[in-house]
Amino acid sequence: MSETSEPALPPPSSGPSSPSSPSRPSGPIRVVIADDQAAVREPLAMVLALAGDIGVVATAANGREVLDAVAAEPVDVVLMDLRMPVMDGTEATRLLSEAHPEVAVVVLTTFADDESIMAALSAGARGYLTKNAGREDIARAIRAAAAGQSVMDQEVRDRLLAAVMATPRAEARPGADSGTGSGVDSEAGSKAASAPGDDLPEDLTPREREVLGLIGQGLPNRAIAERLFISEATVKTHINNLFAKARIRDRADAVRRAIAAGLA
């Protein structure tokens, strides 16, 4: 992580925001930093304060403290480590996605293995950075997540694309989406098969592609419904249709396919 003696972060871009971004109150982006090491979370909080548009409202040493912090006051983004005591970051992300889909989770961890990446994305993480990321990269990811966008560093994207290219096509499984909202567990994610490259079928409708892109950003069903102004039942119908057409086995596979197709 960069030293705090570096120049202050530049102000956020003044360009127009995405029309599909969810609205949030004006003012600093409210962030919770979760890391079991005080030597990481405390300096990071000070560094992010230099950004001006980011306010650290709480820090947490484990996933349970994250849930308590989000329950206590409004939060926009959680910067989440994965390996923590009491409750790890993946489980905390899953619970947040179910109870507080409006809160975006950006993983910040030293682990960039396929299992960790897919478990976090399947749990609902909207971004994934390694601790090699500089403070400007972290601030940029927080801003993007708060605007409803997905951010992953290049190492993570490369691993996801490599997994897509290396995994053979699998037969479609009827009723692929359970409709539970936040995704599948890491075991299912690690076993998911997908087609190489951007080979989505031509008969996918624009709405089905849009839903796939939002799955690729880590959004659960309820958040997709809110984003598209449709019912959660309609989201489930779109998901089951696109999973069958594209021969996607589960949400973890959908994340890989969305990224490979440039939809996320």
C-alpha atoms as a PDB file:
ATOM      1  CA  MET A   1       0.000   0.000   0.000  1.00  0.00           C
ATOM      2  CA  SER A   2       1.288   3.468  -0.843  1.00  0.00           C
ATOM      3  CA  GLU A   3       2.873   5.694   1.770  1.00  0.00           C
ATOM      4  CA  THR A   4       0.808   8.584   3.069  1.00  0.00           C
ATOM      5  CA  SER A   5       3.578  10.990   2.068  1.00  0.00           C
ATOM      6  CA  GLU A   6       2.418  10.804  -1.559  1.00  0.00           C
ATOM      7  CA  PRO A   7       0.503  13.760  -3.028  1.00  0.00           C
ATOM      8  CA  ALA A   8      -3.134  14.063  -2.086  1.00  0.00           C
ATOM      9  CA  LEU A   9      -5.720  12.304  -4.184  1.00  0.00           C
ATOM     10  CA  PRO A  10      -7.150  14.284  -7.099  1.00  0.00           C
ATOM     11  CA  PRO A  11     -10.744  15.455  -6.806  1.00  0.00           C
ATOM     12  CA  PRO A  12     -13.427  13.205  -8.327  1.00  0.00           C
ATOM     13  CA  SER A  13     -14.263  13.574 -11.980  1.00  0.00           C
ATOM     14  CA  SER A  14     -16.832  16.240 -12.805  1.00  0.00           C
ATOM     15  CA  GLY A  15     -18.114  14.251 -15.780  1.00  0.00           C
ATOM     16  CA  PRO A  16     -21.717  13.103 -16.012  1.00  0.00           C
ATOM     17  CA  SER A  17     -22.748  10.085 -13.989  1.00  0.00           C
ATOM     18  CA  SER A  18     -24.286   7.001 -15.516  1.00  0.00           C
ATOM     19  CA  PRO A  19     -28.026   7.377 -16.020  1.00  0.00           C
ATOM     20  CA  SER A  20     -28.525   3.913 -14.529  1.00  0.00           C
ATOM     21  CA  SER A  21     -26.630   4.727 -11.338  1.00  0.00           C
ATOM     22  CA  PRO A  22     -28.758   4.563  -8.210  1.00  0.00           C
ATOM     23  CA  SER A  23     -29.340   7.884  -6.504  1.00  0.00           C
ATOM     24  CA  ARG A  24     -27.631   8.590  -3.204  1.00  0.00           C
ATOM     25  CA  PRO A  25     -27.576  11.640  -0.946  1.00  0.00           C
ATOM     26  CA  SER A  26     -25.130  14.380  -1.852  1.00  0.00           C
ATOM     27  CA  GLY A  27     -22.029  14.662   0.263  1.00  0.00           C
ATOM     28  CA  PRO A  28     -19.062  12.379   0.898  1.00  0.00           C
ATOM     29  CA  ILE A  29     -19.318   8.693   0.051  1.00  0.00           C
ATOM     30  CA  ARG A  30     -19.849   6.909   3.369  1.00  0.00           C
ATOM     31  CA  VAL A  31     -17.343   4.074   3.708  1.00  0.00           C
ATOM     32  CA  VAL A  32     -16.670   1.291   6.205  1.00  0.00           C
ATOM     33  CA  ILE A  33     -13.171  -0.204   6.148  1.00  0.00           C
ATOM     34  CA  ALA A  34     -12.965  -3.847   7.243  1.00  0.00           C
ATOM     35  CA  ASP A  35      -9.593  -5.434   7.944  1.00  0.00           C
ATOM     36  CA  ASP A  36      -8.436  -7.475  10.901  1.00  0.00           C
ATOM     37  CA  GLN A  37      -5.128  -5.606  10.998  1.00  0.00           C
ATOM     38  CA  ALA A  38      -5.225  -2.175  12.609  1.00  0.00           C
ATOM     39  CA  ALA A  39      -1.953  -1.402  10.835  1.00  0.00           C
ATOM     40  CA  VAL A  40      -3.887  -1.624   7.541  1.00  0.00           C
ATOM     41  CA  ARG A  41      -7.290  -0.117   8.281  1.00  0.00           C
ATOM     42  CA  GLU A  42      -6.168   2.930  10.289  1.00  0.00           C
ATOM     43  CA  PRO A  43      -3.616   4.293   7.776  1.00  0.00           C
ATOM     44  CA  LEU A  44      -6.055   3.517   4.959  1.00  0.00           C
ATOM     45  CA  ALA A  45      -8.749   5.564   6.683  1.00  0.00           C
ATOM     46  CA  MET A  46      -6.375   8.518   6.946  1.00  0.00           C
ATOM     47  CA  VAL A  47      -5.316   8.202   3.313  1.00  0.00           C
ATOM     48  CA  LEU A  48      -8.894   8.063   2.027  1.00  0.00           C
ATOM     49  CA  ALA A  49      -9.747  11.169   4.036  1.00  0.00           C
ATOM     50  CA  LEU A  50      -7.399  13.059   1.698  1.00  0.00           C
ATOM     51  CA  ALA A  51      -9.780  12.390  -1.195  1.00  0.00           C
ATOM     52  CA  GLY A  52     -12.282  14.948   0.038  1.00  0.00           C
ATOM     53  CA  ASP A  53     -15.328  13.149  -1.364  1.00  0.00           C
ATOM     54  CA  ILE A  54     -14.890  10.007   0.759  1.00  0.00           C
ATOM     55  CA  GLY A  55     -15.786   9.838   4.431  1.00  0.00           C
ATOM     56  CA  VAL A  56     -14.845   6.831   6.575  1.00  0.00           C
ATOM     57  CA  VAL A  57     -17.761   6.413   8.972  1.00  0.00           C
ATOM     58  CA  ALA A  58     -16.456   3.276  10.708  1.00  0.00           C
ATOM     59  CA  THR A  59     -13.728   0.666  10.718  1.00  0.00           C
ATOM     60  CA  ALA A  60     -14.194  -3.014  11.504  1.00  0.00           C
ATOM     61  CA  ALA A  61     -11.910  -5.878  12.473  1.00  0.00           C
ATOM     62  CA  ASN A  62     -14.249  -8.656  11.275  1.00  0.00           C
ATOM     63  CA  GLY A  63     -17.404  -9.296   9.304  1.00  0.00           C
ATOM     64  CA  ARG A  64     -19.682  -9.151  12.328  1.00  0.00           C
ATOM     65  CA  GLU A  65     -18.467  -5.633  13.104  1.00  0.00           C
ATOM     66  CA  VAL A  66     -19.202  -4.678   9.487  1.00  0.00           C
ATOM     67  CA  LEU A  67     -22.819  -5.793   9.834  1.00  0.00           C
ATOM     68  CA  ASP A  68     -23.130  -3.882  13.113  1.00  0.00           C
ATOM     69  CA  ALA A  69     -21.676  -0.732  11.520  1.00  0.00           C
ATOM     70  CA  VAL A  70     -24.057  -0.884   8.540  1.00  0.00           C
ATOM     71  CA  ALA A  71     -27.011  -1.422  10.867  1.00  0.00           C
ATOM     72  CA  ALA A  72     -26.003   1.571  12.997  1.00  0.00           C
ATOM     73  CA  GLU A  73     -25.791   4.261  10.296  1.00  0.00           C
ATOM     74  CA  PRO A  74     -26.122   4.805   6.536  1.00  0.00           C
ATOM     75  CA  VAL A  75     -23.249   3.334   4.522  1.00  0.00           C
ATOM     76  CA  ASP A  76     -22.596   3.484   0.773  1.00  0.00           C
ATOM     77  CA  VAL A  77     -19.527   1.275   0.343  1.00  0.00           C
ATOM     78  CA  VAL A  78     -17.723  -1.344   2.424  1.00  0.00           C
ATOM     79  CA  LEU A  79     -14.041  -1.908   1.680  1.00  0.00           C
ATOM     80  CA  MET A  80     -13.824  -5.564   2.682  1.00  0.00           C
ATOM     81  CA  ASP A  81     -10.900  -7.822   3.514  1.00  0.00           C
ATOM     82  CA  LEU A  82     -11.643 -11.526   3.035  1.00  0.00           C
ATOM     83  CA  ARG A  83      -9.688 -13.378   5.723  1.00  0.00           C
ATOM     84  CA  MET A  84     -10.900 -12.109   9.093  1.00  0.00           C
ATOM     85  CA  PRO A  85     -11.792 -13.784  12.409  1.00  0.00           C
ATOM     86  CA  VAL A  86     -15.322 -14.225  13.822  1.00  0.00           C
ATOM     87  CA  MET A  87     -16.897 -13.772  10.360  1.00  0.00           C
ATOM     88  CA  ASP A  88     -14.927 -13.674   7.129  1.00  0.00           C
ATOM     89  CA  GLY A  89     -15.428 -11.132   4.386  1.00  0.00           C
ATOM     90  CA  THR A  90     -17.184 -13.492   1.982  1.00  0.00           C
ATOM     91  CA  GLU A  91     -19.913 -14.380   4.486  1.00  0.00           C
ATOM     92  CA  ALA A  92     -20.293 -10.745   5.499  1.00  0.00           C
ATOM     93  CA  THR A  93     -20.656  -9.808   1.824  1.00  0.00           C
ATOM     94  CA  ARG A  94     -23.359 -12.425   1.318  1.00  0.00           C
ATOM     95  CA  LEU A  95     -25.340 -11.208   4.336  1.00  0.00           C
ATOM     96  CA  LEU A  96     -24.975  -7.582   3.277  1.00  0.00           C
ATOM     97  CA  SER A  97     -26.179  -8.383  -0.245  1.00  0.00           C
ATOM     98  CA  GLU A  98     -29.295  -9.988   1.186  1.00  0.00           C
ATOM     99  CA  ALA A  99     -30.116  -7.447   3.907  1.00  0.00           C
ATOM    100  CA  HIS A 100     -28.654  -4.239   2.437  1.00  0.00           C
ATOM    101  CA  PRO A 101     -28.413  -4.531  -1.370  1.00  0.00           C
ATOM    102  CA  GLU A 102     -27.949  -0.756  -1.573  1.00  0.00           C
ATOM    103  CA  VAL A 103     -24.520  -1.110   0.098  1.00  0.00           C
ATOM    104  CA  ALA A 104     -21.729  -1.873  -2.368  1.00  0.00           C
ATOM    105  CA  VAL A 105     -18.874  -4.153  -1.318  1.00  0.00           C
ATOM    106  CA  VAL A 106     -15.404  -3.714  -2.766  1.00  0.00           C
ATOM    107  CA  VAL A 107     -13.008  -6.476  -1.765  1.00  0.00           C
ATOM    108  CA  LEU A 108      -9.481  -5.382  -0.875  1.00  0.00           C
ATOM    109  CA  THR A 109      -7.348  -8.425  -0.145  1.00  0.00           C
ATOM    110  CA  THR A 110      -3.986 -10.051  -0.667  1.00  0.00           C
ATOM    111  CA  PHE A 111      -5.677 -13.118  -2.179  1.00  0.00           C
ATOM    112  CA  ALA A 112      -6.261 -13.290  -5.933  1.00  0.00           C
ATOM    113  CA  ASP A 113      -6.810 -17.026  -6.412  1.00  0.00           C
ATOM    114  CA  ASP A 114      -9.763 -18.248  -8.460  1.00  0.00           C
ATOM    115  CA  GLU A 115     -11.632 -19.656  -5.456  1.00  0.00           C
ATOM    116  CA  SER A 116     -11.424 -16.407  -3.457  1.00  0.00           C
ATOM    117  CA  ILE A 117     -12.426 -14.261  -6.439  1.00  0.00           C
ATOM    118  CA  MET A 118     -15.416 -16.374  -7.450  1.00  0.00           C
ATOM    119  CA  ALA A 119     -16.620 -16.822  -3.861  1.00  0.00           C
ATOM    120  CA  ALA A 120     -16.586 -13.054  -3.282  1.00  0.00           C
ATOM    121  CA  LEU A 121     -18.277 -12.199  -6.586  1.00  0.00           C
ATOM    122  CA  SER A 122     -20.892 -14.897  -6.090  1.00  0.00           C
ATOM    123  CA  ALA A 123     -21.576 -13.504  -2.608  1.00  0.00           C
ATOM    124  CA  GLY A 124     -22.338 -10.123  -4.169  1.00  0.00           C
ATOM    125  CA  ALA A 125     -19.090  -8.123  -4.182  1.00  0.00           C
ATOM    126  CA  ARG A 126     -19.216  -5.291  -6.722  1.00  0.00           C
ATOM    127  CA  GLY A 127     -15.460  -4.834  -6.949  1.00  0.00           C
ATOM    128  CA  TYR A 128     -12.289  -6.800  -6.281  1.00  0.00           C
ATOM    129  CA  LEU A 129      -8.864  -5.257  -5.705  1.00  0.00           C
ATOM    130  CA  THR A 130      -5.648  -6.722  -4.404  1.00  0.00           C
ATOM    131  CA  LYS A 131      -3.588  -4.904  -1.814  1.00  0.00           C
ATOM    132  CA  ASN A 132      -1.107  -4.036  -4.550  1.00  0.00           C
ATOM    133  CA  ALA A 133      -3.625  -1.358  -5.565  1.00  0.00           C
ATOM    134  CA  GLY A 134      -2.515   2.212  -4.960  1.00  0.00           C
ATOM    135  CA  ARG A 135      -4.627   4.653  -3.004  1.00  0.00           C
ATOM    136  CA  GLU A 136      -5.868   6.384  -6.144  1.00  0.00           C
ATOM    137  CA  ASP A 137      -7.028   3.001  -7.493  1.00  0.00           C
ATOM    138  CA  ILE A 138      -8.850   2.306  -4.228  1.00  0.00           C
ATOM    139  CA  ALA A 139     -10.532   5.720  -4.211  1.00  0.00           C
ATOM    140  CA  ARG A 140     -11.551   5.269  -7.846  1.00  0.00           C
ATOM    141  CA  ALA A 141     -13.052   1.863  -7.045  1.00  0.00           C
ATOM    142  CA  ILE A 142     -15.031   3.325  -4.129  1.00  0.00           C
ATOM    143  CA  ARG A 143     -16.450   6.062  -6.349  1.00  0.00           C
ATOM    144  CA  ALA A 144     -17.357   3.571  -9.057  1.00  0.00           C
ATOM    145  CA  ALA A 145     -19.023   1.180  -6.613  1.00  0.00           C
ATOM    146  CA  ALA A 146     -21.025   4.032  -5.086  1.00  0.00           C
ATOM    147  CA  ALA A 147     -22.231   4.857  -8.620  1.00  0.00           C
ATOM    148  CA  GLY A 148     -23.398   1.280  -9.163  1.00  0.00           C
ATOM    149  CA  GLN A 149     -20.450   0.193 -11.300  1.00  0.00           C
ATOM    150  CA  SER A 150     -18.209  -2.842 -11.046  1.00  0.00           C
ATOM    151  CA  VAL A 151     -14.446  -2.473 -10.615  1.00  0.00           C
ATOM    152  CA  MET A 152     -11.786  -5.182 -10.695  1.00  0.00           C
ATOM    153  CA  ASP A 153      -8.075  -4.754 -11.048  1.00  0.00           C
ATOM    154  CA  GLN A 154      -6.339  -6.151 -14.101  1.00  0.00           C
ATOM    155  CA  GLU A 155      -4.922  -9.210 -12.340  1.00  0.00           C
ATOM    156  CA  VAL A 156      -8.424 -10.273 -11.281  1.00  0.00           C
ATOM    157  CA  ARG A 157      -9.894  -9.692 -14.746  1.00  0.00           C
ATOM    158  CA  ASP A 158      -7.057 -11.677 -16.319  1.00  0.00           C
ATOM    159  CA  ARG A 159      -7.737 -14.618 -14.018  1.00  0.00           C
ATOM    160  CA  LEU A 160     -11.467 -14.545 -14.748  1.00  0.00           C
ATOM    161  CA  LEU A 161     -10.890 -14.428 -18.494  1.00  0.00           C
ATOM    162  CA  ALA A 162      -8.341 -17.242 -18.239  1.00  0.00           C
ATOM    163  CA  ALA A 163     -10.939 -19.318 -16.408  1.00  0.00           C
ATOM    164  CA  VAL A 164     -13.461 -18.629 -19.184  1.00  0.00           C
ATOM    165  CA  MET A 165     -11.003 -19.659 -21.895  1.00  0.00           C
ATOM    166  CA  ALA A 166      -9.862 -22.796 -20.047  1.00  0.00           C
ATOM    167  CA  THR A 167     -13.290 -24.194 -19.136  1.00  0.00           C
ATOM    168  CA  PRO A 168     -15.206 -26.283 -21.710  1.00  0.00           C
ATOM    169  CA  ARG A 169     -18.838 -25.634 -22.526  1.00  0.00           C
ATOM    170  CA  ALA A 170     -21.321 -27.375 -20.240  1.00  0.00           C
ATOM    171  CA  GLU A 171     -24.874 -28.478 -20.892  1.00  0.00           C
ATOM    172  CA  ALA A 172     -27.543 -26.094 -19.650  1.00  0.00           C
ATOM    173  CA  ARG A 173     -29.244 -27.028 -16.419  1.00  0.00           C
ATOM    174  CA  PRO A 174     -33.002 -26.341 -16.226  1.00  0.00           C
ATOM    175  CA  GLY A 175     -34.078 -23.874 -13.574  1.00  0.00           C
ATOM    176  CA  ALA A 176     -30.524 -22.579 -13.271  1.00  0.00           C
ATOM    177  CA  ASP A 177     -31.404 -19.661 -11.071  1.00  0.00           C
ATOM    178  CA  SER A 178     -32.837 -20.381  -7.647  1.00  0.00           C
ATOM    179  CA  GLY A 179     -34.005 -16.803  -7.310  1.00  0.00           C
ATOM    180  CA  THR A 180     -32.472 -16.454  -3.864  1.00  0.00           C
ATOM    181  CA  GLY A 181     -30.812 -13.221  -4.928  1.00  0.00           C
ATOM    182  CA  SER A 182     -27.208 -13.087  -3.775  1.00  0.00           C
ATOM    183  CA  GLY A 183     -25.627 -15.919  -5.737  1.00  0.00           C
ATOM    184  CA  VAL A 184     -24.124 -19.350  -5.145  1.00  0.00           C
ATOM    185  CA  ASP A 185     -21.537 -20.707  -2.785  1.00  0.00           C
ATOM    186  CA  SER A 186     -17.840 -20.893  -3.592  1.00  0.00           C
ATOM    187  CA  GLU A 187     -17.873 -24.636  -4.257  1.00  0.00           C
ATOM    188  CA  ALA A 188     -20.510 -24.258  -6.938  1.00  0.00           C
ATOM    189  CA  GLY A 189     -18.671 -21.239  -8.339  1.00  0.00           C
ATOM    190  CA  SER A 190     -15.377 -23.101  -8.610  1.00  0.00           C
ATOM    191  CA  LYS A 191     -17.064 -25.962 -10.483  1.00  0.00           C
ATOM    192  CA  ALA A 192     -19.044 -23.764 -12.859  1.00  0.00           C
ATOM    193  CA  ALA A 193     -18.373 -24.297 -16.549  1.00  0.00           C
ATOM    194  CA  SER A 194     -18.632 -21.685 -19.232  1.00  0.00           C
ATOM    195  CA  ALA A 195     -18.117 -21.146 -22.900  1.00  0.00           C
ATOM    196  CA  PRO A 196     -14.869 -19.559 -24.097  1.00  0.00           C
ATOM    197  CA  GLY A 197     -14.893 -15.930 -25.147  1.00  0.00           C
ATOM    198  CA  ASP A 198     -17.853 -13.793 -26.112  1.00  0.00           C
ATOM    199  CA  ASP A 199     -20.129 -16.455 -27.624  1.00  0.00           C
ATOM    200  CA  LEU A 200     -23.464 -15.367 -26.203  1.00  0.00           C
ATOM    201  CA  PRO A 201     -26.306 -16.548 -28.431  1.00  0.00           C
ATOM    202  CA  GLU A 202     -27.819 -14.058 -30.847  1.00  0.00           C
ATOM    203  CA  ASP A 203     -31.328 -14.682 -29.548  1.00  0.00           C
ATOM    204  CA  LEU A 204     -30.594 -13.092 -26.166  1.00  0.00           C
ATOM    205  CA  THR A 205     -32.850 -10.061 -25.876  1.00  0.00           C
ATOM    206  CA  PRO A 206     -31.411  -6.642 -24.987  1.00  0.00           C
ATOM    207  CA  ARG A 207     -33.054  -6.953 -21.558  1.00  0.00           C
ATOM    208  CA  GLU A 208     -31.499 -10.375 -20.973  1.00  0.00           C
ATOM    209  CA  ARG A 209     -28.082  -8.965 -21.860  1.00  0.00           C
ATOM    210  CA  GLU A 210     -28.709  -6.074 -19.486  1.00  0.00           C
ATOM    211  CA  VAL A 211     -29.624  -8.481 -16.681  1.00  0.00           C
ATOM    212  CA  LEU A 212     -26.512 -10.577 -17.396  1.00  0.00           C
ATOM    213  CA  GLY A 213     -24.364  -7.462 -17.186  1.00  0.00           C
ATOM    214  CA  LEU A 214     -25.845  -6.574 -13.809  1.00  0.00           C
ATOM    215  CA  ILE A 215     -25.222 -10.103 -12.543  1.00  0.00           C
ATOM    216  CA  GLY A 216     -21.652  -9.632 -13.725  1.00  0.00           C
ATOM    217  CA  GLN A 217     -21.456  -6.524 -11.547  1.00  0.00           C
ATOM    218  CA  GLY A 218     -22.383  -8.638  -8.535  1.00  0.00           C
ATOM    219  CA  LEU A 219     -25.938  -7.374  -8.042  1.00  0.00           C
ATOM    220  CA  PRO A 220     -28.482  -9.729  -6.434  1.00  0.00           C
ATOM    221  CA  ASN A 221     -31.966 -10.138  -7.890  1.00  0.00           C
ATOM    222  CA  ARG A 222     -33.585  -7.516  -5.686  1.00  0.00           C
ATOM    223  CA  ALA A 223     -31.030  -4.875  -6.639  1.00  0.00           C
ATOM    224  CA  ILE A 224     -31.398  -5.752 -10.336  1.00  0.00           C
ATOM    225  CA  ALA A 225     -35.153  -5.316 -10.035  1.00  0.00           C
ATOM    226  CA  GLU A 226     -34.723  -1.911  -8.407  1.00  0.00           C
ATOM    227  CA  ARG A 227     -32.184  -0.821 -11.020  1.00  0.00           C
ATOM    228  CA  LEU A 228     -34.415  -1.816 -13.958  1.00  0.00           C
ATOM    229  CA  PHE A 229     -37.728  -0.791 -12.360  1.00  0.00           C
ATOM    230  CA  ILE A 230     -39.199  -4.264 -12.775  1.00  0.00           C
ATOM    231  CA  SER A 231     -40.415  -6.889 -10.309  1.00  0.00           C
ATOM    232  CA  GLU A 232     -38.106  -9.452  -8.761  1.00  0.00           C
ATOM    233  CA  ALA A 233     -40.246 -12.194 -10.334  1.00  0.00           C
ATOM    234  CA  THR A 234     -39.571 -10.685 -13.769  1.00  0.00           C
ATOM    235  CA  VAL A 235     -35.842 -10.645 -13.017  1.00  0.00           C
ATOM    236  CA  LYS A 236     -35.987 -14.360 -12.183  1.00  0.00           C
ATOM    237  CA  THR A 237     -37.777 -15.048 -15.472  1.00  0.00           C
ATOM    238  CA  HIS A 238     -35.128 -13.161 -17.449  1.00  0.00           C
ATOM    239  CA  ILE A 239     -32.360 -15.009 -15.604  1.00  0.00           C
ATOM    240  CA  ASN A 240     -33.844 -18.453 -16.206  1.00  0.00           C
ATOM    241  CA  ASN A 241     -34.367 -17.616 -19.892  1.00  0.00           C
ATOM    242  CA  LEU A 242     -30.862 -16.285 -20.466  1.00  0.00           C
ATOM    243  CA  PHE A 243     -29.271 -19.126 -18.476  1.00  0.00           C
ATOM    244  CA  ALA A 244     -31.067 -21.643 -20.688  1.00  0.00           C
ATOM    245  CA  LYS A 245     -30.262 -19.844 -23.949  1.00  0.00           C
ATOM    246  CA  ALA A 246     -26.590 -19.225 -23.111  1.00  0.00           C
ATOM    247  CA  ARG A 247     -26.104 -22.571 -21.344  1.00  0.00           C
ATOM    248  CA  ILE A 248     -25.015 -20.850 -18.140  1.00  0.00           C
ATOM    249  CA  ARG A 249     -24.990 -23.136 -15.127  1.00  0.00           C
ATOM    250  CA  ASP A 250     -25.098 -20.714 -12.175  1.00  0.00           C
ATOM    251  CA  ARG A 251     -24.380 -17.141 -11.081  1.00  0.00           C
ATOM    252  CA  ALA A 252     -20.639 -17.649 -10.783  1.00  0.00           C
ATOM    253  CA  ASP A 253     -20.565 -18.855 -14.381  1.00  0.00           C
ATOM    254  CA  ALA A 254     -22.735 -15.853 -15.329  1.00  0.00           C
ATOM    255  CA  VAL A 255     -20.196 -13.451 -13.827  1.00  0.00           C
ATOM    256  CA  ARG A 256     -17.422 -14.964 -15.955  1.00  0.00           C
ATOM    257  CA  ARG A 257     -19.545 -14.897 -19.095  1.00  0.00           C
ATOM    258  CA  ALA A 258     -20.618 -11.296 -18.537  1.00  0.00           C
ATOM    259  CA  ILE A 259     -17.003 -10.191 -18.140  1.00  0.00           C
ATOM    260  CA  ALA A 260     -15.876 -12.179 -21.190  1.00  0.00           C
ATOM    261  CA  ALA A 261     -18.661 -10.558 -23.228  1.00  0.00           C
ATOM    262  CA  GLY A 262     -17.720  -7.075 -22.077  1.00  0.00           C
ATOM    263  CA  LEU A 263     -21.038  -6.595 -20.261  1.00  0.00           C
ATOM    264  CA  ALA A 264     -19.514  -6.058 -16.809  1.00  0.00           C
END
